[in-house]
Amino acid sequence: MAAFGSPKYFTDKSIPSNKPGVVLKVPNFDVLFDHISNVSPLARQAMTEDNPGGIKAIDNAADVYKWKVTDSNSKRLVSHIDKIDNFQDKGVPLMRFRSTLHGPLKKRGECFSEIISVPDLRQKWDTTNAIFDTIFSAASLDEVRKHQGNKYGEPSVFGIGYVKTKPSFVVSPREQLTLFGLQNFPSGASIIWGMELEEDQNYLFPEDQPKRTPRSISHLFSATLIPTGEDTFDVEYLIQLEVGGIPGWVSGPAVAKTMKGMFQFADGYFQSGLEDGGDLAKRLALFSDDEDADADEER
């Protein structure tokens, strides 16, 4: 499957992975981040502003596309939800969620990424997955830097994830093979991004999962974090998910419900980073002093 239905989101270049003999395809970073910035005002802030203002600084008149607001209430945890139906003729909506969370700045992008990618954390808010695993990562982030240039922050994560959902009464298992990454910026902002791998990468499916199931496709995924105070930050989460064989008018509400659950978990998890003995505080204590020094140097 081509990301966004087009192979233009990938290049013909590759970098070594953490496993001998396996290489990872390199995306066209310019095309990828151009598309993300066109649909995510916070991502645009992260990439272009030294002091991004977050949700309050969004100028809706600058939107490239016309969005349909489905929910907007500043008093709610998820303060704004809007969508573009049938975005880029994929048959499913592109959905955009905004929220303000409280938690420490330290390793914020990495910890938010782990909510999405670490199985034990993912299961706290998304019980639909039977398997969720990072199966490959870049052998060296220096190789990623060489290809991305200097416009898109500092790469912190680059890898491939495999997802297989549980069967339900109405839907058989679905699987995904996704390239994902995390970029950190000097302002303290972060962008997490992902794209479905093309069919020529199917050889990367886990060897212990030889039977193929219908494919779900993340046509577009990004999550941008913008610091707004010492312990506060805004999040803008975009996802266009095609669940193989399920029409968008059915899958869209299910995706919205899942994302609200994710933000509810993230809210409590990040606040636990401000508490002695909290789950996130314990996780942050595991980062090495060298990693902390590197992060301070970036900022």
C-alpha atoms as a PDB file:
ATOM      1  CA  MET A   1       0.000   0.000   0.000  1.00  0.00           C
ATOM      2  CA  ALA A   2       1.378   3.417  -0.846  1.00  0.00           C
ATOM      3  CA  ALA A   3       1.286   6.125   1.791  1.00  0.00           C
ATOM      4  CA  PHE A   4      -1.536   8.506   0.885  1.00  0.00           C
ATOM      5  CA  GLY A   5      -2.056   6.227  -2.099  1.00  0.00           C
ATOM      6  CA  SER A   6       1.144   7.483  -3.775  1.00  0.00           C
ATOM      7  CA  PRO A   7       4.762   6.265  -3.722  1.00  0.00           C
ATOM      8  CA  LYS A   8       5.956   9.894  -3.883  1.00  0.00           C
ATOM      9  CA  TYR A   9       6.098   9.860  -0.078  1.00  0.00           C
ATOM     10  CA  PHE A  10       9.082   7.517  -0.272  1.00  0.00           C
ATOM     11  CA  THR A  11      12.463   7.799  -1.913  1.00  0.00           C
ATOM     12  CA  ASP A  12      14.579   5.048  -3.445  1.00  0.00           C
ATOM     13  CA  LYS A  13      17.102   5.481  -0.630  1.00  0.00           C
ATOM     14  CA  SER A  14      17.485   3.347   2.476  1.00  0.00           C
ATOM     15  CA  ILE A  15      19.408   3.209   5.751  1.00  0.00           C
ATOM     16  CA  PRO A  16      20.646   0.260   7.842  1.00  0.00           C
ATOM     17  CA  SER A  17      18.338  -1.040  10.559  1.00  0.00           C
ATOM     18  CA  ASN A  18      19.240  -2.434  13.964  1.00  0.00           C
ATOM     19  CA  LYS A  19      19.078  -5.947  12.499  1.00  0.00           C
ATOM     20  CA  PRO A  20      21.796  -7.196  10.116  1.00  0.00           C
ATOM     21  CA  GLY A  21      20.747  -7.409   6.491  1.00  0.00           C
ATOM     22  CA  VAL A  22      17.576  -5.331   6.910  1.00  0.00           C
ATOM     23  CA  VAL A  23      17.367  -1.804   5.528  1.00  0.00           C
ATOM     24  CA  LEU A  24      14.658   0.806   6.091  1.00  0.00           C
ATOM     25  CA  LYS A  25      13.205   2.861   3.291  1.00  0.00           C
ATOM     26  CA  VAL A  26      13.702   6.616   3.663  1.00  0.00           C
ATOM     27  CA  PRO A  27      10.701   8.910   3.219  1.00  0.00           C
ATOM     28  CA  ASN A  28      10.716  12.091   1.187  1.00  0.00           C
ATOM     29  CA  PHE A  29      10.866  14.367   4.223  1.00  0.00           C
ATOM     30  CA  ASP A  30      10.094  17.509   2.214  1.00  0.00           C
ATOM     31  CA  VAL A  31       6.876  16.067   0.780  1.00  0.00           C
ATOM     32  CA  LEU A  32       5.855  14.413   4.060  1.00  0.00           C
ATOM     33  CA  PHE A  33       6.259  17.503   6.218  1.00  0.00           C
ATOM     34  CA  ASP A  34       4.761  19.794   3.602  1.00  0.00           C
ATOM     35  CA  HIS A  35       1.568  17.735   3.725  1.00  0.00           C
ATOM     36  CA  ILE A  36       1.592  17.570   7.506  1.00  0.00           C
ATOM     37  CA  SER A  37       2.065  21.332   7.808  1.00  0.00           C
ATOM     38  CA  ASN A  38      -0.850  21.920   5.423  1.00  0.00           C
ATOM     39  CA  VAL A  39      -3.271  20.119   7.746  1.00  0.00           C
ATOM     40  CA  SER A  40      -1.699  20.767  11.161  1.00  0.00           C
ATOM     41  CA  PRO A  41      -1.272  24.383  12.318  1.00  0.00           C
ATOM     42  CA  LEU A  42       0.696  23.229  15.358  1.00  0.00           C
ATOM     43  CA  ALA A  43       3.104  21.253  13.178  1.00  0.00           C
ATOM     44  CA  ARG A  44       3.568  24.358  11.059  1.00  0.00           C
ATOM     45  CA  GLN A  45       4.331  26.341  14.224  1.00  0.00           C
ATOM     46  CA  ALA A  46       6.840  23.708  15.381  1.00  0.00           C
ATOM     47  CA  MET A  47       8.719  23.790  12.075  1.00  0.00           C
ATOM     48  CA  THR A  48       8.730  27.547  11.462  1.00  0.00           C
ATOM     49  CA  GLU A  49       8.578  29.419  14.788  1.00  0.00           C
ATOM     50  CA  ASP A  50      11.199  29.893  17.487  1.00  0.00           C
ATOM     51  CA  ASN A  51       8.476  30.429  20.114  1.00  0.00           C
ATOM     52  CA  PRO A  52       5.299  28.695  18.908  1.00  0.00           C
ATOM     53  CA  GLY A  53       2.105  29.884  20.578  1.00  0.00           C
ATOM     54  CA  GLY A  54       0.098  26.660  20.558  1.00  0.00           C
ATOM     55  CA  ILE A  55      -3.655  26.347  20.171  1.00  0.00           C
ATOM     56  CA  LYS A  56      -4.398  29.955  21.155  1.00  0.00           C
ATOM     57  CA  ALA A  57      -2.203  31.202  18.321  1.00  0.00           C
ATOM     58  CA  ILE A  58      -3.956  29.200  15.578  1.00  0.00           C
ATOM     59  CA  ASP A  59      -5.359  31.305  12.739  1.00  0.00           C
ATOM     60  CA  ASN A  60      -8.223  29.272  11.282  1.00  0.00           C
ATOM     61  CA  ALA A  61      -8.308  31.559   8.256  1.00  0.00           C
ATOM     62  CA  ALA A  62      -4.914  30.169   7.276  1.00  0.00           C
ATOM     63  CA  ASP A  63      -6.254  26.615   6.853  1.00  0.00           C
ATOM     64  CA  VAL A  64      -5.411  25.241   3.422  1.00  0.00           C
ATOM     65  CA  TYR A  65      -8.483  22.981   3.425  1.00  0.00           C
ATOM     66  CA  LYS A  66     -12.092  23.387   4.554  1.00  0.00           C
ATOM     67  CA  TRP A  67     -12.724  21.560   7.834  1.00  0.00           C
ATOM     68  CA  LYS A  68     -16.018  20.476   9.384  1.00  0.00           C
ATOM     69  CA  VAL A  69     -16.134  21.052  13.159  1.00  0.00           C
ATOM     70  CA  THR A  70     -17.733  18.118  14.967  1.00  0.00           C
ATOM     71  CA  ASP A  71     -17.068  19.183  18.566  1.00  0.00           C
ATOM     72  CA  SER A  72     -15.594  22.311  20.154  1.00  0.00           C
ATOM     73  CA  ASN A  73     -15.631  23.144  23.854  1.00  0.00           C
ATOM     74  CA  SER A  74     -12.651  24.739  25.590  1.00  0.00           C
ATOM     75  CA  LYS A  75     -13.727  23.246  28.931  1.00  0.00           C
ATOM     76  CA  ARG A  76     -13.330  19.676  27.712  1.00  0.00           C
ATOM     77  CA  LEU A  77     -10.102  17.700  27.744  1.00  0.00           C
ATOM     78  CA  VAL A  78     -10.365  17.233  23.976  1.00  0.00           C
ATOM     79  CA  SER A  79     -11.279  20.819  23.255  1.00  0.00           C
ATOM     80  CA  HIS A  80     -11.686  20.627  19.495  1.00  0.00           C
ATOM     81  CA  ILE A  81     -12.437  17.957  16.896  1.00  0.00           C
ATOM     82  CA  ASP A  82     -12.846  18.577  13.195  1.00  0.00           C
ATOM     83  CA  LYS A  83     -12.531  16.543  10.030  1.00  0.00           C
ATOM     84  CA  ILE A  84     -12.308  16.487   6.258  1.00  0.00           C
ATOM     85  CA  ASP A  85     -14.545  13.774   4.815  1.00  0.00           C
ATOM     86  CA  ASN A  86     -13.027  11.614   2.083  1.00  0.00           C
ATOM     87  CA  PHE A  87      -9.714  13.482   2.313  1.00  0.00           C
ATOM     88  CA  GLN A  88      -7.670  13.009  -0.892  1.00  0.00           C
ATOM     89  CA  ASP A  89     -10.375  10.611  -2.142  1.00  0.00           C
ATOM     90  CA  LYS A  90      -9.395   7.845   0.281  1.00  0.00           C
ATOM     91  CA  GLY A  91     -12.987   7.142   1.333  1.00  0.00           C
ATOM     92  CA  VAL A  92     -12.306   7.879   5.009  1.00  0.00           C
ATOM     93  CA  PRO A  93     -12.106  11.152   6.955  1.00  0.00           C
ATOM     94  CA  LEU A  94      -8.978  12.927   8.086  1.00  0.00           C
ATOM     95  CA  MET A  95      -9.686  13.708  11.743  1.00  0.00           C
ATOM     96  CA  ARG A  96      -7.999  16.379  13.879  1.00  0.00           C
ATOM     97  CA  PHE A  97      -8.020  16.480  17.685  1.00  0.00           C
ATOM     98  CA  ARG A  98      -6.709  19.221  19.997  1.00  0.00           C
ATOM     99  CA  SER A  99      -6.077  19.119  23.735  1.00  0.00           C
ATOM    100  CA  THR A 100      -4.074  20.817  26.482  1.00  0.00           C
ATOM    101  CA  LEU A 101      -2.198  18.561  28.899  1.00  0.00           C
ATOM    102  CA  HIS A 102      -0.087  19.005  32.020  1.00  0.00           C
ATOM    103  CA  GLY A 103       3.238  17.269  32.550  1.00  0.00           C
ATOM    104  CA  PRO A 104       7.018  17.692  32.691  1.00  0.00           C
ATOM    105  CA  LEU A 105       8.990  18.949  29.716  1.00  0.00           C
ATOM    106  CA  LYS A 106      11.691  16.287  30.055  1.00  0.00           C
ATOM    107  CA  LYS A 107      11.541  13.768  27.196  1.00  0.00           C
ATOM    108  CA  ARG A 108       7.972  14.867  26.466  1.00  0.00           C
ATOM    109  CA  GLY A 109       7.981  13.842  22.823  1.00  0.00           C
ATOM    110  CA  GLU A 110       9.522  10.453  23.596  1.00  0.00           C
ATOM    111  CA  CYS A 111       7.032   9.764  26.383  1.00  0.00           C
ATOM    112  CA  PHE A 112       4.025  10.738  24.270  1.00  0.00           C
ATOM    113  CA  SER A 113       5.373   8.533  21.489  1.00  0.00           C
ATOM    114  CA  GLU A 114       5.578   5.642  23.950  1.00  0.00           C
ATOM    115  CA  ILE A 115       1.869   6.019  24.771  1.00  0.00           C
ATOM    116  CA  ILE A 116       1.263   5.153  21.126  1.00  0.00           C
ATOM    117  CA  SER A 117       4.005   2.596  20.514  1.00  0.00           C
ATOM    118  CA  VAL A 118       4.795   0.735  23.758  1.00  0.00           C
ATOM    119  CA  PRO A 119       2.430  -2.253  24.152  1.00  0.00           C
ATOM    120  CA  ASP A 120       1.918  -1.991  27.940  1.00  0.00           C
ATOM    121  CA  LEU A 121       0.960   1.685  27.650  1.00  0.00           C
ATOM    122  CA  ARG A 122      -1.070   1.240  24.462  1.00  0.00           C
ATOM    123  CA  GLN A 123      -3.218  -1.429  26.103  1.00  0.00           C
ATOM    124  CA  LYS A 124      -4.246   1.092  28.759  1.00  0.00           C
ATOM    125  CA  TRP A 125      -6.375   2.988  26.226  1.00  0.00           C
ATOM    126  CA  ASP A 126      -6.645   0.748  23.156  1.00  0.00           C
ATOM    127  CA  THR A 127      -7.674  -2.856  23.785  1.00  0.00           C
ATOM    128  CA  THR A 128      -8.313  -3.675  20.119  1.00  0.00           C
ATOM    129  CA  ASN A 129      -4.736  -4.752  19.370  1.00  0.00           C
ATOM    130  CA  ALA A 130      -3.493  -8.309  19.722  1.00  0.00           C
ATOM    131  CA  ILE A 131       0.035  -7.332  18.671  1.00  0.00           C
ATOM    132  CA  PHE A 132       1.696  -3.923  18.738  1.00  0.00           C
ATOM    133  CA  ASP A 133       5.445  -4.008  18.356  1.00  0.00           C
ATOM    134  CA  THR A 134       8.376  -2.001  17.026  1.00  0.00           C
ATOM    135  CA  ILE A 135      10.051  -4.605  14.846  1.00  0.00           C
ATOM    136  CA  PHE A 136      12.897  -2.525  13.388  1.00  0.00           C
ATOM    137  CA  SER A 137      14.605   0.751  14.201  1.00  0.00           C
ATOM    138  CA  ALA A 138      17.387   2.760  12.596  1.00  0.00           C
ATOM    139  CA  ALA A 139      20.856   1.473  13.411  1.00  0.00           C
ATOM    140  CA  SER A 140      21.993   5.082  13.725  1.00  0.00           C
ATOM    141  CA  LEU A 141      20.000   8.309  13.815  1.00  0.00           C
ATOM    142  CA  ASP A 142      22.976   9.967  12.116  1.00  0.00           C
ATOM    143  CA  GLU A 143      21.858   8.226   8.926  1.00  0.00           C
ATOM    144  CA  VAL A 144      18.382   9.748   9.321  1.00  0.00           C
ATOM    145  CA  ARG A 145      19.908  13.213   9.795  1.00  0.00           C
ATOM    146  CA  LYS A 146      21.829  12.899   6.525  1.00  0.00           C
ATOM    147  CA  HIS A 147      18.605  12.366   4.578  1.00  0.00           C
ATOM    148  CA  GLN A 148      16.214  14.728   6.345  1.00  0.00           C
ATOM    149  CA  GLY A 149      18.347  17.881   6.249  1.00  0.00           C
ATOM    150  CA  ASN A 150      18.223  20.591   8.908  1.00  0.00           C
ATOM    151  CA  LYS A 151      14.670  21.915   8.524  1.00  0.00           C
ATOM    152  CA  TYR A 152      12.807  19.296  10.535  1.00  0.00           C
ATOM    153  CA  GLY A 153      14.358  19.293  13.972  1.00  0.00           C
ATOM    154  CA  GLU A 154      16.382  16.543  15.558  1.00  0.00           C
ATOM    155  CA  PRO A 155      15.363  12.915  14.902  1.00  0.00           C
ATOM    156  CA  SER A 156      14.872  10.963  18.117  1.00  0.00           C
ATOM    157  CA  VAL A 157      13.001   7.896  16.865  1.00  0.00           C
ATOM    158  CA  PHE A 158      12.896   6.181  13.454  1.00  0.00           C
ATOM    159  CA  GLY A 159      11.517   2.696  12.975  1.00  0.00           C
ATOM    160  CA  ILE A 160       8.870   0.295  11.741  1.00  0.00           C
ATOM    161  CA  GLY A 161       5.911  -0.888  13.754  1.00  0.00           C
ATOM    162  CA  TYR A 162       3.688  -3.910  13.227  1.00  0.00           C
ATOM    163  CA  VAL A 163       0.084  -3.941  14.414  1.00  0.00           C
ATOM    164  CA  LYS A 164      -2.450  -6.751  14.365  1.00  0.00           C
ATOM    165  CA  THR A 165      -5.917  -6.226  15.798  1.00  0.00           C
ATOM    166  CA  LYS A 166      -8.055  -8.698  17.678  1.00  0.00           C
ATOM    167  CA  PRO A 167     -11.074 -10.219  15.910  1.00  0.00           C
ATOM    168  CA  SER A 168     -14.497  -8.933  16.924  1.00  0.00           C
ATOM    169  CA  PHE A 169     -18.057 -10.019  16.247  1.00  0.00           C
ATOM    170  CA  VAL A 170     -18.204  -7.856  13.118  1.00  0.00           C
ATOM    171  CA  VAL A 171     -14.563  -7.359  12.018  1.00  0.00           C
ATOM    172  CA  SER A 172     -11.856  -9.944  11.347  1.00  0.00           C
ATOM    173  CA  PRO A 173      -8.235  -9.146  12.341  1.00  0.00           C
ATOM    174  CA  ARG A 174      -6.501  -6.317  10.487  1.00  0.00           C
ATOM    175  CA  GLU A 175      -2.781  -5.596  10.276  1.00  0.00           C
ATOM    176  CA  GLN A 176      -0.518  -2.627   9.590  1.00  0.00           C
ATOM    177  CA  LEU A 177       3.142  -2.095   8.752  1.00  0.00           C
ATOM    178  CA  THR A 178       4.056   1.502   9.488  1.00  0.00           C
ATOM    179  CA  LEU A 179       7.157   3.661   9.251  1.00  0.00           C
ATOM    180  CA  PHE A 180       7.208   6.192  12.082  1.00  0.00           C
ATOM    181  CA  GLY A 181       9.457   8.813  13.593  1.00  0.00           C
ATOM    182  CA  LEU A 182       9.836  11.557  16.169  1.00  0.00           C
ATOM    183  CA  GLN A 183      11.363  14.982  15.558  1.00  0.00           C
ATOM    184  CA  ASN A 184      12.323  17.334  18.419  1.00  0.00           C
ATOM    185  CA  PHE A 185      12.780  21.079  17.925  1.00  0.00           C
ATOM    186  CA  PRO A 186      14.826  23.701  19.823  1.00  0.00           C
ATOM    187  CA  SER A 187      11.629  25.368  21.093  1.00  0.00           C
ATOM    188  CA  GLY A 188      10.692  22.213  22.996  1.00  0.00           C
ATOM    189  CA  ALA A 189       8.102  21.246  20.368  1.00  0.00           C
ATOM    190  CA  SER A 190       7.914  17.701  18.982  1.00  0.00           C
ATOM    191  CA  ILE A 191       6.291  16.072  15.952  1.00  0.00           C
ATOM    192  CA  ILE A 192       5.490  12.362  15.881  1.00  0.00           C
ATOM    193  CA  TRP A 193       4.681  11.108  12.387  1.00  0.00           C
ATOM    194  CA  GLY A 194       3.806   7.878  10.612  1.00  0.00           C
ATOM    195  CA  MET A 195       2.983   6.431   7.199  1.00  0.00           C
ATOM    196  CA  GLU A 196       1.952   3.049   5.898  1.00  0.00           C
ATOM    197  CA  LEU A 197       4.688   1.159   4.060  1.00  0.00           C
ATOM    198  CA  GLU A 198       4.291   0.296   0.415  1.00  0.00           C
ATOM    199  CA  GLU A 199       3.701  -3.235  -0.854  1.00  0.00           C
ATOM    200  CA  ASP A 200       7.335  -3.650  -1.882  1.00  0.00           C
ATOM    201  CA  GLN A 201       8.166  -3.610   1.839  1.00  0.00           C
ATOM    202  CA  ASN A 202       5.927  -6.576   2.699  1.00  0.00           C
ATOM    203  CA  TYR A 203       8.999  -8.734   3.241  1.00  0.00           C
ATOM    204  CA  LEU A 204       9.403  -6.848   6.526  1.00  0.00           C
ATOM    205  CA  PHE A 205       6.321  -8.443   8.067  1.00  0.00           C
ATOM    206  CA  PRO A 206       7.290 -10.469  11.168  1.00  0.00           C
ATOM    207  CA  GLU A 207       8.366 -14.016  10.376  1.00  0.00           C
ATOM    208  CA  ASP A 208       6.151 -15.351  13.178  1.00  0.00           C
ATOM    209  CA  GLN A 209       3.102 -13.812  11.437  1.00  0.00           C
ATOM    210  CA  PRO A 210       3.218 -15.543   8.028  1.00  0.00           C
ATOM    211  CA  LYS A 211      -0.536 -15.400   7.339  1.00  0.00           C
ATOM    212  CA  ARG A 212      -1.628 -12.080   5.862  1.00  0.00           C
ATOM    213  CA  THR A 213      -4.870 -10.458   6.983  1.00  0.00           C
ATOM    214  CA  PRO A 214      -6.758  -7.500   5.459  1.00  0.00           C
ATOM    215  CA  ARG A 215      -4.688  -4.334   5.700  1.00  0.00           C
ATOM    216  CA  SER A 216      -5.630  -1.232   7.642  1.00  0.00           C
ATOM    217  CA  ILE A 217      -3.897   1.856   6.299  1.00  0.00           C
ATOM    218  CA  SER A 218      -2.719   4.989   8.083  1.00  0.00           C
ATOM    219  CA  HIS A 219      -2.878   7.366   5.133  1.00  0.00           C
ATOM    220  CA  LEU A 220      -1.759  10.181   7.413  1.00  0.00           C
ATOM    221  CA  PHE A 221      -0.719  10.359  11.040  1.00  0.00           C
ATOM    222  CA  SER A 222       0.939  13.094  13.049  1.00  0.00           C
ATOM    223  CA  ALA A 223       0.918  14.321  16.625  1.00  0.00           C
ATOM    224  CA  THR A 224       2.450  17.702  17.458  1.00  0.00           C
ATOM    225  CA  LEU A 225       3.307  18.850  20.987  1.00  0.00           C
ATOM    226  CA  ILE A 226       3.833  22.559  21.679  1.00  0.00           C
ATOM    227  CA  PRO A 227       5.013  23.771  25.118  1.00  0.00           C
ATOM    228  CA  THR A 228       2.773  26.539  26.508  1.00  0.00           C
ATOM    229  CA  GLY A 229       4.135  26.832  30.056  1.00  0.00           C
ATOM    230  CA  GLU A 230       6.568  25.214  32.440  1.00  0.00           C
ATOM    231  CA  ASP A 231       4.334  22.165  32.877  1.00  0.00           C
ATOM    232  CA  THR A 232       1.678  22.600  30.175  1.00  0.00           C
ATOM    233  CA  PHE A 233       1.585  21.758  26.495  1.00  0.00           C
ATOM    234  CA  ASP A 234      -0.862  21.654  23.605  1.00  0.00           C
ATOM    235  CA  VAL A 235      -1.348  18.583  21.422  1.00  0.00           C
ATOM    236  CA  GLU A 236      -2.737  18.377  17.896  1.00  0.00           C
ATOM    237  CA  TYR A 237      -3.328  14.796  16.741  1.00  0.00           C
ATOM    238  CA  LEU A 238      -4.238  13.981  13.143  1.00  0.00           C
ATOM    239  CA  ILE A 239      -5.192  10.591  11.810  1.00  0.00           C
ATOM    240  CA  GLN A 240      -6.681   9.259   8.599  1.00  0.00           C
ATOM    241  CA  LEU A 241      -7.199   5.554   9.154  1.00  0.00           C
ATOM    242  CA  GLU A 242      -8.703   3.187   6.636  1.00  0.00           C
ATOM    243  CA  VAL A 243      -9.860  -0.038   8.293  1.00  0.00           C
ATOM    244  CA  GLY A 244      -9.867  -2.500   5.405  1.00  0.00           C
ATOM    245  CA  GLY A 245     -13.399  -3.039   4.094  1.00  0.00           C
ATOM    246  CA  ILE A 246     -15.083  -0.764   6.668  1.00  0.00           C
ATOM    247  CA  PRO A 247     -16.718   2.423   5.288  1.00  0.00           C
ATOM    248  CA  GLY A 248     -15.536   5.729   6.678  1.00  0.00           C
ATOM    249  CA  TRP A 249     -18.924   6.659   8.135  1.00  0.00           C
ATOM    250  CA  VAL A 250     -18.637   3.565  10.346  1.00  0.00           C
ATOM    251  CA  SER A 251     -14.939   3.722  11.245  1.00  0.00           C
ATOM    252  CA  GLY A 252     -14.831   7.494  11.844  1.00  0.00           C
ATOM    253  CA  PRO A 253     -16.889   7.524  15.084  1.00  0.00           C
ATOM    254  CA  ALA A 254     -14.922   4.525  16.374  1.00  0.00           C
ATOM    255  CA  VAL A 255     -11.629   6.330  15.732  1.00  0.00           C
ATOM    256  CA  ALA A 256     -12.934   9.435  17.541  1.00  0.00           C
ATOM    257  CA  LYS A 257     -13.941   7.371  20.567  1.00  0.00           C
ATOM    258  CA  THR A 258     -10.531   5.704  20.686  1.00  0.00           C
ATOM    259  CA  MET A 259      -8.700   9.038  20.440  1.00  0.00           C
ATOM    260  CA  LYS A 260     -10.730  10.496  23.301  1.00  0.00           C
ATOM    261  CA  GLY A 261      -9.696   7.482  25.369  1.00  0.00           C
ATOM    262  CA  MET A 262      -6.074   8.064  24.435  1.00  0.00           C
ATOM    263  CA  PHE A 263      -6.187  11.683  25.598  1.00  0.00           C
ATOM    264  CA  GLN A 264      -7.890  10.691  28.836  1.00  0.00           C
ATOM    265  CA  PHE A 265      -5.086   8.237  29.557  1.00  0.00           C
ATOM    266  CA  ALA A 266      -2.391  10.702  28.432  1.00  0.00           C
ATOM    267  CA  ASP A 267      -3.812  13.362  30.754  1.00  0.00           C
ATOM    268  CA  GLY A 268      -3.409  11.191  33.832  1.00  0.00           C
ATOM    269  CA  TYR A 269      -0.125   9.682  32.692  1.00  0.00           C
ATOM    270  CA  PHE A 270       1.596  13.018  32.103  1.00  0.00           C
ATOM    271  CA  GLN A 271       0.290  14.476  35.356  1.00  0.00           C
ATOM    272  CA  SER A 272       1.860  11.468  37.106  1.00  0.00           C
ATOM    273  CA  GLY A 273       5.202  12.842  35.944  1.00  0.00           C
ATOM    274  CA  LEU A 274       4.711  15.741  38.361  1.00  0.00           C
ATOM    275  CA  GLU A 275       4.139  13.402  41.322  1.00  0.00           C
ATOM    276  CA  ASP A 276       6.768  11.617  43.403  1.00  0.00           C
ATOM    277  CA  GLY A 277       6.462   7.934  42.568  1.00  0.00           C
ATOM    278  CA  GLY A 278       4.072   8.553  39.664  1.00  0.00           C
ATOM    279  CA  ASP A 279       4.181   6.207  36.678  1.00  0.00           C
ATOM    280  CA  LEU A 280       5.702   8.792  34.355  1.00  0.00           C
ATOM    281  CA  ALA A 281       8.075  10.047  37.071  1.00  0.00           C
ATOM    282  CA  LYS A 282       9.393   6.497  37.345  1.00  0.00           C
ATOM    283  CA  ARG A 283       9.763   6.253  33.569  1.00  0.00           C
ATOM    284  CA  LEU A 284      11.642   9.566  33.365  1.00  0.00           C
ATOM    285  CA  ALA A 285      14.063   8.385  36.038  1.00  0.00           C
ATOM    286  CA  LEU A 286      15.152   5.589  33.680  1.00  0.00           C
ATOM    287  CA  PHE A 287      16.508   7.980  31.059  1.00  0.00           C
ATOM    288  CA  SER A 288      20.270   8.277  31.305  1.00  0.00           C
ATOM    289  CA  ASP A 289      22.070  11.471  32.275  1.00  0.00           C
ATOM    290  CA  ASP A 290      23.657  11.488  28.804  1.00  0.00           C
ATOM    291  CA  GLU A 291      20.211  11.586  27.193  1.00  0.00           C
ATOM    292  CA  ASP A 292      19.192  14.491  29.416  1.00  0.00           C
ATOM    293  CA  ALA A 293      22.360  16.389  28.481  1.00  0.00           C
ATOM    294  CA  ASP A 294      21.709  15.803  24.783  1.00  0.00           C
ATOM    295  CA  ALA A 295      18.159  17.129  25.127  1.00  0.00           C
ATOM    296  CA  ASP A 296      19.356  20.248  26.954  1.00  0.00           C
ATOM    297  CA  GLU A 297      21.951  20.859  24.241  1.00  0.00           C
ATOM    298  CA  GLU A 298      19.268  20.652  21.519  1.00  0.00           C
ATOM    299  CA  ARG A 299      17.246  23.353  23.285  1.00  0.00           C
END
